[in-house]
Structure formats: C-alpha cells, structure tokens
mmCIF file of all heavy atoms, coordinates in Angstrom:
data_MODEL
# 
_entry.id   MODEL 
# 
loop_
_atom_site.group_PDB 
_atom_site.id 
_atom_site.type_symbol 
_atom_site.label_atom_id 
_atom_site.label_alt_id 
_atom_site.label_comp_id 
_atom_site.label_asym_id 
_atom_site.label_entity_id 
_atom_site.label_seq_id 
_atom_site.pdbx_PDB_ins_code 
_atom_site.Cartn_x 
_atom_site.Cartn_y 
_atom_site.Cartn_z 
_atom_site.occupancy 
_atom_site.B_iso_or_equiv 
_atom_site.pdbx_formal_charge 
_atom_site.auth_seq_id 
_atom_site.auth_comp_id 
_atom_site.auth_asym_id 
_atom_site.auth_atom_id 
_atom_site.pdbx_PDB_model_num 
ATOM 1   N N   . THR A 1 1  ? 37.573 -58.448 10.478 1.00 0.00 ? 1  THR A N   1 
ATOM 2   C CA  . THR A 1 1  ? 38.227 -59.255 9.447  1.00 0.00 ? 1  THR A CA  1 
ATOM 3   C C   . THR A 1 1  ? 39.677 -59.566 9.746  1.00 0.00 ? 1  THR A C   1 
ATOM 4   O O   . THR A 1 1  ? 40.250 -60.472 9.142  1.00 0.00 ? 1  THR A O   1 
ATOM 5   C CB  . THR A 1 1  ? 38.184 -58.529 8.087  1.00 0.00 ? 1  THR A CB  1 
ATOM 6   O OG1 . THR A 1 1  ? 39.013 -57.358 8.159  1.00 0.00 ? 1  THR A OG1 1 
ATOM 7   C CG2 . THR A 1 1  ? 36.770 -58.111 7.744  1.00 0.00 ? 1  THR A CG2 1 
ATOM 8   N N   . GLY A 1 2  ? 40.307 -58.809 10.660 1.00 0.00 ? 2  GLY A N   1 
ATOM 9   C CA  . GLY A 1 2  ? 41.722 -58.991 10.900 1.00 0.00 ? 2  GLY A CA  1 
ATOM 10  C C   . GLY A 1 2  ? 42.588 -58.301 9.860  1.00 0.00 ? 2  GLY A C   1 
ATOM 11  O O   . GLY A 1 2  ? 43.809 -58.337 9.928  1.00 0.00 ? 2  GLY A O   1 
ATOM 12  N N   . GLU A 1 3  ? 41.963 -57.632 8.888  1.00 0.00 ? 3  GLU A N   1 
ATOM 13  C CA  . GLU A 1 3  ? 42.691 -56.962 7.816  1.00 0.00 ? 3  GLU A CA  1 
ATOM 14  C C   . GLU A 1 3  ? 43.042 -55.552 8.256  1.00 0.00 ? 3  GLU A C   1 
ATOM 15  O O   . GLU A 1 3  ? 42.185 -54.791 8.683  1.00 0.00 ? 3  GLU A O   1 
ATOM 16  C CB  . GLU A 1 3  ? 41.818 -56.917 6.559  1.00 0.00 ? 3  GLU A CB  1 
ATOM 17  C CG  . GLU A 1 3  ? 42.560 -56.527 5.306  1.00 0.00 ? 3  GLU A CG  1 
ATOM 18  C CD  . GLU A 1 3  ? 43.522 -57.591 4.852  1.00 0.00 ? 3  GLU A CD  1 
ATOM 19  O OE1 . GLU A 1 3  ? 43.092 -58.727 4.639  1.00 0.00 ? 3  GLU A OE1 1 
ATOM 20  O OE2 . GLU A 1 3  ? 44.716 -57.271 4.724  1.00 0.00 ? 3  GLU A OE2 1 
ATOM 21  N N   . SER A 1 4  ? 44.330 -55.214 8.187  1.00 0.00 ? 4  SER A N   1 
ATOM 22  C CA  . SER A 1 4  ? 44.757 -53.914 8.705  1.00 0.00 ? 4  SER A CA  1 
ATOM 23  C C   . SER A 1 4  ? 44.422 -52.764 7.765  1.00 0.00 ? 4  SER A C   1 
ATOM 24  O O   . SER A 1 4  ? 44.263 -51.630 8.200  1.00 0.00 ? 4  SER A O   1 
ATOM 25  C CB  . SER A 1 4  ? 46.268 -53.934 8.962  1.00 0.00 ? 4  SER A CB  1 
ATOM 26  O OG  . SER A 1 4  ? 46.971 -54.251 7.769  1.00 0.00 ? 4  SER A OG  1 
ATOM 27  N N   . ALA A 1 5  ? 44.337 -53.008 6.471  1.00 0.00 ? 5  ALA A N   1 
ATOM 28  C CA  . ALA A 1 5  ? 44.082 -51.934 5.509  1.00 0.00 ? 5  ALA A CA  1 
ATOM 29  C C   . ALA A 1 5  ? 42.636 -51.459 5.620  1.00 0.00 ? 5  ALA A C   1 
ATOM 30  O O   . ALA A 1 5  ? 41.706 -52.272 5.632  1.00 0.00 ? 5  ALA A O   1 
ATOM 31  C CB  . ALA A 1 5  ? 44.358 -52.421 4.094  1.00 0.00 ? 5  ALA A CB  1 
ATOM 32  N N   . PRO A 1 6  ? 42.406 -50.146 5.713  1.00 0.00 ? 6  PRO A N   1 
ATOM 33  C CA  . PRO A 1 6  ? 41.027 -49.645 5.774  1.00 0.00 ? 6  PRO A CA  1 
ATOM 34  C C   . PRO A 1 6  ? 40.316 -49.824 4.442  1.00 0.00 ? 6  PRO A C   1 
ATOM 35  O O   . PRO A 1 6  ? 40.941 -50.000 3.400  1.00 0.00 ? 6  PRO A O   1 
ATOM 36  C CB  . PRO A 1 6  ? 41.215 -48.160 6.106  1.00 0.00 ? 6  PRO A CB  1 
ATOM 37  C CG  . PRO A 1 6  ? 42.580 -47.831 5.604  1.00 0.00 ? 6  PRO A CG  1 
ATOM 38  C CD  . PRO A 1 6  ? 43.401 -49.070 5.774  1.00 0.00 ? 6  PRO A CD  1 
ATOM 39  N N   . VAL A 1 7  ? 38.992 -49.776 4.488  1.00 0.00 ? 7  VAL A N   1 
ATOM 40  C CA  . VAL A 1 7  ? 38.180 -49.939 3.281  1.00 0.00 ? 7  VAL A CA  1 
ATOM 41  C C   . VAL A 1 7  ? 37.281 -48.721 3.130  1.00 0.00 ? 7  VAL A C   1 
ATOM 42  O O   . VAL A 1 7  ? 37.026 -47.991 4.089  1.00 0.00 ? 7  VAL A O   1 
ATOM 43  C CB  . VAL A 1 7  ? 37.328 -51.221 3.351  1.00 0.00 ? 7  VAL A CB  1 
ATOM 44  C CG1 . VAL A 1 7  ? 38.210 -52.452 3.364  1.00 0.00 ? 7  VAL A CG1 1 
ATOM 45  C CG2 . VAL A 1 7  ? 36.430 -51.215 4.592  1.00 0.00 ? 7  VAL A CG2 1 
ATOM 46  N N   . ILE A 1 8  ? 36.819 -48.506 1.918  1.00 0.00 ? 8  ILE A N   1 
ATOM 47  C CA  . ILE A 1 8  ? 35.941 -47.368 1.625  1.00 0.00 ? 8  ILE A CA  1 
ATOM 48  C C   . ILE A 1 8  ? 34.495 -47.837 1.664  1.00 0.00 ? 8  ILE A C   1 
ATOM 49  O O   . ILE A 1 8  ? 34.133 -48.849 1.051  1.00 0.00 ? 8  ILE A O   1 
ATOM 50  C CB  . ILE A 1 8  ? 36.261 -46.759 0.254  1.00 0.00 ? 8  ILE A CB  1 
ATOM 51  C CG1 . ILE A 1 8  ? 37.717 -46.266 0.217  1.00 0.00 ? 8  ILE A CG1 1 
ATOM 52  C CG2 . ILE A 1 8  ? 35.303 -45.616 -0.059 1.00 0.00 ? 8  ILE A CG2 1 
ATOM 53  C CD1 . ILE A 1 8  ? 38.023 -45.190 1.234  1.00 0.00 ? 8  ILE A CD1 1 
ATOM 54  N N   . ARG A 1 9  ? 33.674 -47.101 2.380  1.00 0.00 ? 9  ARG A N   1 
ATOM 55  C CA  . ARG A 1 9  ? 32.236 -47.375 2.413  1.00 0.00 ? 9  ARG A CA  1 
ATOM 56  C C   . ARG A 1 9  ? 31.524 -46.111 1.945  1.00 0.00 ? 9  ARG A C   1 
ATOM 57  O O   . ARG A 1 9  ? 31.821 -45.007 2.419  1.00 0.00 ? 9  ARG A O   1 
ATOM 58  C CB  . ARG A 1 9  ? 31.786 -47.738 3.829  1.00 0.00 ? 9  ARG A CB  1 
ATOM 59  C CG  . ARG A 1 9  ? 32.359 -49.057 4.308  1.00 0.00 ? 9  ARG A CG  1 
ATOM 60  C CD  . ARG A 1 9  ? 31.738 -50.209 3.551  1.00 0.00 ? 9  ARG A CD  1 
ATOM 61  N NE  . ARG A 1 9  ? 32.345 -51.479 3.914  1.00 0.00 ? 9  ARG A NE  1 
ATOM 62  C CZ  . ARG A 1 9  ? 33.309 -52.063 3.230  1.00 0.00 ? 9  ARG A CZ  1 
ATOM 63  N NH1 . ARG A 1 9  ? 33.782 -51.462 2.149  1.00 0.00 ? 9  ARG A NH1 1 
ATOM 64  N NH2 . ARG A 1 9  ? 33.802 -53.208 3.593  1.00 0.00 ? 9  ARG A NH2 1 
ATOM 65  N N   . GLU A 1 10 ? 30.574 -46.277 1.023  1.00 0.00 ? 10 GLU A N   1 
ATOM 66  C CA  . GLU A 1 10 ? 29.900 -45.115 0.448  1.00 0.00 ? 10 GLU A CA  1 
ATOM 67  C C   . GLU A 1 10 ? 28.451 -45.444 0.141  1.00 0.00 ? 10 GLU A C   1 
ATOM 68  O O   . GLU A 1 10 ? 28.076 -46.614 0.000  1.00 0.00 ? 10 GLU A O   1 
ATOM 69  C CB  . GLU A 1 10 ? 30.610 -44.661 -0.824 1.00 0.00 ? 10 GLU A CB  1 
ATOM 70  C CG  . GLU A 1 10 ? 30.730 -45.736 -1.887 1.00 0.00 ? 10 GLU A CG  1 
ATOM 71  C CD  . GLU A 1 10 ? 31.578 -45.284 -3.064 1.00 0.00 ? 10 GLU A CD  1 
ATOM 72  O OE1 . GLU A 1 10 ? 31.645 -44.078 -3.301 1.00 0.00 ? 10 GLU A OE1 1 
ATOM 73  O OE2 . GLU A 1 10 ? 32.157 -46.152 -3.730 1.00 0.00 ? 10 GLU A OE2 1 
ATOM 74  N N   . ALA A 1 11 ? 27.648 -44.399 0.053  1.00 0.00 ? 11 ALA A N   1 
ATOM 75  C CA  . ALA A 1 11 ? 26.230 -44.575 -0.219 1.00 0.00 ? 11 ALA A CA  1 
ATOM 76  C C   . ALA A 1 11 ? 26.034 -45.062 -1.649 1.00 0.00 ? 11 ALA A C   1 
ATOM 77  O O   . ALA A 1 11 ? 26.747 -44.661 -2.568 1.00 0.00 ? 11 ALA A O   1 
ATOM 78  C CB  . ALA A 1 11 ? 25.495 -43.251 -0.009 1.00 0.00 ? 11 ALA A CB  1 
ATOM 79  N N   . GLY A 1 12 ? 25.052 -45.940 -1.820 1.00 0.00 ? 12 GLY A N   1 
ATOM 80  C CA  . GLY A 1 12 ? 24.752 -46.463 -3.147 1.00 0.00 ? 12 GLY A CA  1 
ATOM 81  C C   . GLY A 1 12 ? 25.750 -47.513 -3.568 1.00 0.00 ? 12 GLY A C   1 
ATOM 82  O O   . GLY A 1 12 ? 26.818 -47.664 -2.995 1.00 0.00 ? 12 GLY A O   1 
ATOM 83  N N   . GLY A 1 13 ? 25.420 -48.273 -4.584 1.00 0.00 ? 13 GLY A N   1 
ATOM 84  C CA  . GLY A 1 13 ? 26.337 -49.277 -5.105 1.00 0.00 ? 13 GLY A CA  1 
ATOM 85  C C   . GLY A 1 13 ? 26.463 -50.476 -4.185 1.00 0.00 ? 13 GLY A C   1 
ATOM 86  O O   . GLY A 1 13 ? 25.613 -50.742 -3.332 1.00 0.00 ? 13 GLY A O   1 
ATOM 87  N N   . ASP A 1 14 ? 27.574 -51.200 -4.372 1.00 0.00 ? 14 ASP A N   1 
ATOM 88  C CA  . ASP A 1 14 ? 27.765 -52.461 -3.673 1.00 0.00 ? 14 ASP A CA  1 
ATOM 89  C C   . ASP A 1 14 ? 28.754 -52.366 -2.522 1.00 0.00 ? 14 ASP A C   1 
ATOM 90  O O   . ASP A 1 14 ? 29.229 -53.372 -2.021 1.00 0.00 ? 14 ASP A O   1 
ATOM 91  C CB  . ASP A 1 14 ? 28.256 -53.537 -4.666 1.00 0.00 ? 14 ASP A CB  1 
ATOM 92  C CG  . ASP A 1 14 ? 27.216 -53.847 -5.733 1.00 0.00 ? 14 ASP A CG  1 
ATOM 93  O OD1 . ASP A 1 14 ? 26.029 -53.564 -5.475 1.00 0.00 ? 14 ASP A OD1 1 
ATOM 94  O OD2 . ASP A 1 14 ? 27.592 -54.357 -6.802 1.00 0.00 ? 14 ASP A OD2 1 
ATOM 95  N N   . ARG A 1 15 ? 29.124 -51.151 -2.102 1.00 0.00 ? 15 ARG A N   1 
ATOM 96  C CA  . ARG A 1 15 ? 30.076 -50.978 -1.009 1.00 0.00 ? 15 ARG A CA  1 
ATOM 97  C C   . ARG A 1 15 ? 29.455 -50.145 0.103  1.00 0.00 ? 15 ARG A C   1 
ATOM 98  O O   . ARG A 1 15 ? 30.106 -49.283 0.689  1.00 0.00 ? 15 ARG A O   1 
ATOM 99  C CB  . ARG A 1 15 ? 31.351 -50.296 -1.523 1.00 0.00 ? 15 ARG A CB  1 
ATOM 100 C CG  . ARG A 1 15 ? 32.053 -51.047 -2.630 1.00 0.00 ? 15 ARG A CG  1 
ATOM 101 C CD  . ARG A 1 15 ? 32.834 -52.223 -2.103 1.00 0.00 ? 15 ARG A CD  1 
ATOM 102 N NE  . ARG A 1 15 ? 33.391 -53.047 -3.154 1.00 0.00 ? 15 ARG A NE  1 
ATOM 103 C CZ  . ARG A 1 15 ? 34.202 -54.064 -2.952 1.00 0.00 ? 15 ARG A CZ  1 
ATOM 104 N NH1 . ARG A 1 15 ? 34.533 -54.389 -1.719 1.00 0.00 ? 15 ARG A NH1 1 
ATOM 105 N NH2 . ARG A 1 15 ? 34.665 -54.793 -3.949 1.00 0.00 ? 15 ARG A NH2 1 
ATOM 106 N N   . SER A 1 16 ? 28.192 -50.416 0.377  1.00 0.00 ? 16 SER A N   1 
ATOM 107 C CA  . SER A 1 16 ? 27.479 -49.569 1.336  1.00 0.00 ? 16 SER A CA  1 
ATOM 108 C C   . SER A 1 16 ? 27.285 -50.229 2.695  1.00 0.00 ? 16 SER A C   1 
ATOM 109 O O   . SER A 1 16 ? 26.954 -49.553 3.662  1.00 0.00 ? 16 SER A O   1 
ATOM 110 C CB  . SER A 1 16 ? 26.099 -49.195 0.770  1.00 0.00 ? 16 SER A CB  1 
ATOM 111 O OG  . SER A 1 16 ? 25.328 -50.361 0.527  1.00 0.00 ? 16 SER A OG  1 
ATOM 112 N N   . ALA A 1 17 ? 27.493 -51.534 2.807  1.00 0.00 ? 17 ALA A N   1 
ATOM 113 C CA  . ALA A 1 17 ? 27.210 -52.235 4.064  1.00 0.00 ? 17 ALA A CA  1 
ATOM 114 C C   . ALA A 1 17 ? 28.303 -51.974 5.093  1.00 0.00 ? 17 ALA A C   1 
ATOM 115 O O   . ALA A 1 17 ? 29.495 -51.982 4.775  1.00 0.00 ? 17 ALA A O   1 
ATOM 116 C CB  . ALA A 1 17 ? 27.076 -53.732 3.808  1.00 0.00 ? 17 ALA A CB  1 
ATOM 117 N N   . VAL A 1 18 ? 27.902 -51.730 6.342  1.00 0.00 ? 18 VAL A N   1 
ATOM 118 C CA  . VAL A 1 18 ? 28.837 -51.539 7.445  1.00 0.00 ? 18 VAL A CA  1 
ATOM 119 C C   . VAL A 1 18 ? 28.422 -52.445 8.596  1.00 0.00 ? 18 VAL A C   1 
ATOM 120 O O   . VAL A 1 18 ? 27.259 -52.832 8.714  1.00 0.00 ? 18 VAL A O   1 
ATOM 121 C CB  . VAL A 1 18 ? 28.879 -50.069 7.910  1.00 0.00 ? 18 VAL A CB  1 
ATOM 122 C CG1 . VAL A 1 18 ? 29.527 -49.190 6.864  1.00 0.00 ? 18 VAL A CG1 1 
ATOM 123 C CG2 . VAL A 1 18 ? 27.476 -49.555 8.237  1.00 0.00 ? 18 VAL A CG2 1 
ATOM 124 N N   . THR A 1 19 ? 29.396 -52.771 9.454  1.00 0.00 ? 19 THR A N   1 
ATOM 125 C CA  . THR A 1 19 ? 29.177 -53.729 10.537 1.00 0.00 ? 19 THR A CA  1 
ATOM 126 C C   . THR A 1 19 ? 29.449 -53.068 11.877 1.00 0.00 ? 19 THR A C   1 
ATOM 127 O O   . THR A 1 19 ? 30.391 -52.277 12.014 1.00 0.00 ? 19 THR A O   1 
ATOM 128 C CB  . THR A 1 19 ? 30.099 -54.950 10.365 1.00 0.00 ? 19 THR A CB  1 
ATOM 129 O OG1 . THR A 1 19 ? 29.881 -55.514 9.071  1.00 0.00 ? 19 THR A OG1 1 
ATOM 130 C CG2 . THR A 1 19 ? 29.816 -56.003 11.418 1.00 0.00 ? 19 THR A CG2 1 
ATOM 131 N N   . ALA A 1 20 ? 28.641 -53.405 12.873 1.00 0.00 ? 20 ALA A N   1 
ATOM 132 C CA  . ALA A 1 20 ? 28.806 -52.849 14.212 1.00 0.00 ? 20 ALA A CA  1 
ATOM 133 C C   . ALA A 1 20 ? 30.199 -53.154 14.750 1.00 0.00 ? 20 ALA A C   1 
ATOM 134 O O   . ALA A 1 20 ? 30.738 -54.238 14.555 1.00 0.00 ? 20 ALA A O   1 
ATOM 135 C CB  . ALA A 1 20 ? 27.751 -53.434 15.146 1.00 0.00 ? 20 ALA A CB  1 
ATOM 136 N N   . GLY A 1 21 ? 30.787 -52.175 15.458 1.00 0.00 ? 21 GLY A N   1 
ATOM 137 C CA  . GLY A 1 21 ? 32.088 -52.376 16.076 1.00 0.00 ? 21 GLY A CA  1 
ATOM 138 C C   . GLY A 1 21 ? 33.259 -51.950 15.226 1.00 0.00 ? 21 GLY A C   1 
ATOM 139 O O   . GLY A 1 21 ? 34.391 -51.943 15.703 1.00 0.00 ? 21 GLY A O   1 
ATOM 140 N N   . THR A 1 22 ? 33.019 -51.591 13.957 1.00 0.00 ? 22 THR A N   1 
ATOM 141 C CA  . THR A 1 22 ? 34.108 -51.106 13.105 1.00 0.00 ? 22 THR A CA  1 
ATOM 142 C C   . THR A 1 22 ? 34.221 -49.590 13.249 1.00 0.00 ? 22 THR A C   1 
ATOM 143 O O   . THR A 1 22 ? 33.251 -48.910 13.578 1.00 0.00 ? 22 THR A O   1 
ATOM 144 C CB  . THR A 1 22 ? 33.874 -51.495 11.637 1.00 0.00 ? 22 THR A CB  1 
ATOM 145 O OG1 . THR A 1 22 ? 32.613 -50.977 11.189 1.00 0.00 ? 22 THR A OG1 1 
ATOM 146 C CG2 . THR A 1 22 ? 33.844 -53.004 11.484 1.00 0.00 ? 22 THR A CG2 1 
ATOM 147 N N   . ARG A 1 23 ? 35.422 -49.050 12.988 1.00 0.00 ? 23 ARG A N   1 
ATOM 148 C CA  . ARG A 1 23 ? 35.685 -47.645 13.292 1.00 0.00 ? 23 ARG A CA  1 
ATOM 149 C C   . ARG A 1 23 ? 35.854 -46.817 12.018 1.00 0.00 ? 23 ARG A C   1 
ATOM 150 O O   . ARG A 1 23 ? 36.557 -47.222 11.090 1.00 0.00 ? 23 ARG A O   1 
ATOM 151 C CB  . ARG A 1 23 ? 36.942 -47.513 14.145 1.00 0.00 ? 23 ARG A CB  1 
ATOM 152 C CG  . ARG A 1 23 ? 37.202 -46.105 14.662 1.00 0.00 ? 23 ARG A CG  1 
ATOM 153 C CD  . ARG A 1 23 ? 38.439 -46.058 15.549 1.00 0.00 ? 23 ARG A CD  1 
ATOM 154 N NE  . ARG A 1 23 ? 38.294 -46.883 16.731 1.00 0.00 ? 23 ARG A NE  1 
ATOM 155 C CZ  . ARG A 1 23 ? 37.690 -46.495 17.857 1.00 0.00 ? 23 ARG A CZ  1 
ATOM 156 N NH1 . ARG A 1 23 ? 37.161 -45.272 17.929 1.00 0.00 ? 23 ARG A NH1 1 
ATOM 157 N NH2 . ARG A 1 23 ? 37.612 -47.300 18.889 1.00 0.00 ? 23 ARG A NH2 1 
ATOM 158 N N   . VAL A 1 24 ? 35.206 -45.654 11.998 1.00 0.00 ? 24 VAL A N   1 
ATOM 159 C CA  . VAL A 1 24 ? 35.343 -44.713 10.890 1.00 0.00 ? 24 VAL A CA  1 
ATOM 160 C C   . VAL A 1 24 ? 36.639 -43.929 11.075 1.00 0.00 ? 24 VAL A C   1 
ATOM 161 O O   . VAL A 1 24 ? 36.877 -43.335 12.126 1.00 0.00 ? 24 VAL A O   1 
ATOM 162 C CB  . VAL A 1 24 ? 34.137 -43.752 10.832 1.00 0.00 ? 24 VAL A CB  1 
ATOM 163 C CG1 . VAL A 1 24 ? 34.365 -42.668 9.796  1.00 0.00 ? 24 VAL A CG1 1 
ATOM 164 C CG2 . VAL A 1 24 ? 32.868 -44.528 10.501 1.00 0.00 ? 24 VAL A CG2 1 
ATOM 165 N N   . LEU A 1 25 ? 37.486 -43.931 10.045 1.00 0.00 ? 25 LEU A N   1 
ATOM 166 C CA  . LEU A 1 25 ? 38.788 -43.276 10.125 1.00 0.00 ? 25 LEU A CA  1 
ATOM 167 C C   . LEU A 1 25 ? 38.789 -41.876 9.533  1.00 0.00 ? 25 LEU A C   1 
ATOM 168 O O   . LEU A 1 25 ? 39.656 -41.063 9.862  1.00 0.00 ? 25 LEU A O   1 
ATOM 169 C CB  . LEU A 1 25 ? 39.846 -44.131 9.416  1.00 0.00 ? 25 LEU A CB  1 
ATOM 170 C CG  . LEU A 1 25 ? 40.064 -45.541 9.973  1.00 0.00 ? 25 LEU A CG  1 
ATOM 171 C CD1 . LEU A 1 25 ? 41.128 -46.257 9.163  1.00 0.00 ? 25 LEU A CD1 1 
ATOM 172 C CD2 . LEU A 1 25 ? 40.454 -45.491 11.447 1.00 0.00 ? 25 LEU A CD2 1 
ATOM 173 N N   . SER A 1 26 ? 37.851 -41.608 8.625  1.00 0.00 ? 26 SER A N   1 
ATOM 174 C CA  . SER A 1 26 ? 37.836 -40.281 8.002  1.00 0.00 ? 26 SER A CA  1 
ATOM 175 C C   . SER A 1 26 ? 36.429 -39.935 7.549  1.00 0.00 ? 26 SER A C   1 
ATOM 176 O O   . SER A 1 26 ? 35.613 -40.828 7.310  1.00 0.00 ? 26 SER A O   1 
ATOM 177 C CB  . SER A 1 26 ? 38.789 -40.243 6.800  1.00 0.00 ? 26 SER A CB  1 
ATOM 178 O OG  . SER A 1 26 ? 38.300 -41.079 5.755  1.00 0.00 ? 26 SER A OG  1 
ATOM 179 N N   . ASP A 1 27 ? 36.156 -38.652 7.460  1.00 0.00 ? 27 ASP A N   1 
ATOM 180 C CA  . ASP A 1 27 ? 34.886 -38.133 6.925  1.00 0.00 ? 27 ASP A CA  1 
ATOM 181 C C   . ASP A 1 27 ? 33.708 -38.493 7.825  1.00 0.00 ? 27 ASP A C   1 
ATOM 182 O O   . ASP A 1 27 ? 33.872 -38.943 8.951  1.00 0.00 ? 27 ASP A O   1 
ATOM 183 C CB  . ASP A 1 27 ? 34.681 -38.635 5.492  1.00 0.00 ? 27 ASP A CB  1 
ATOM 184 C CG  . ASP A 1 27 ? 35.843 -38.264 4.593  1.00 0.00 ? 27 ASP A CG  1 
ATOM 185 O OD1 . ASP A 1 27 ? 36.032 -37.070 4.357  1.00 0.00 ? 27 ASP A OD1 1 
ATOM 186 O OD2 . ASP A 1 27 ? 36.574 -39.174 4.155  1.00 0.00 ? 27 ASP A OD2 1 
# 
C-alpha cells in the first residue's frame, strides 16, 4: 500500500485478510 503505519490483523471479523509479501511486526 505504500502506507508506513502498521495495521492490526486478527482472527474473525472484518480485519482478517492478509496479503503475500507483507511482514508481521509483532506476535
């Protein structure tokens, strides 16, 4: 996305999708 701020991804709900090539910063 070019966006520097990290985002939260979690199981369930509408924030669960992840894309190949992105990096996990925590947990």
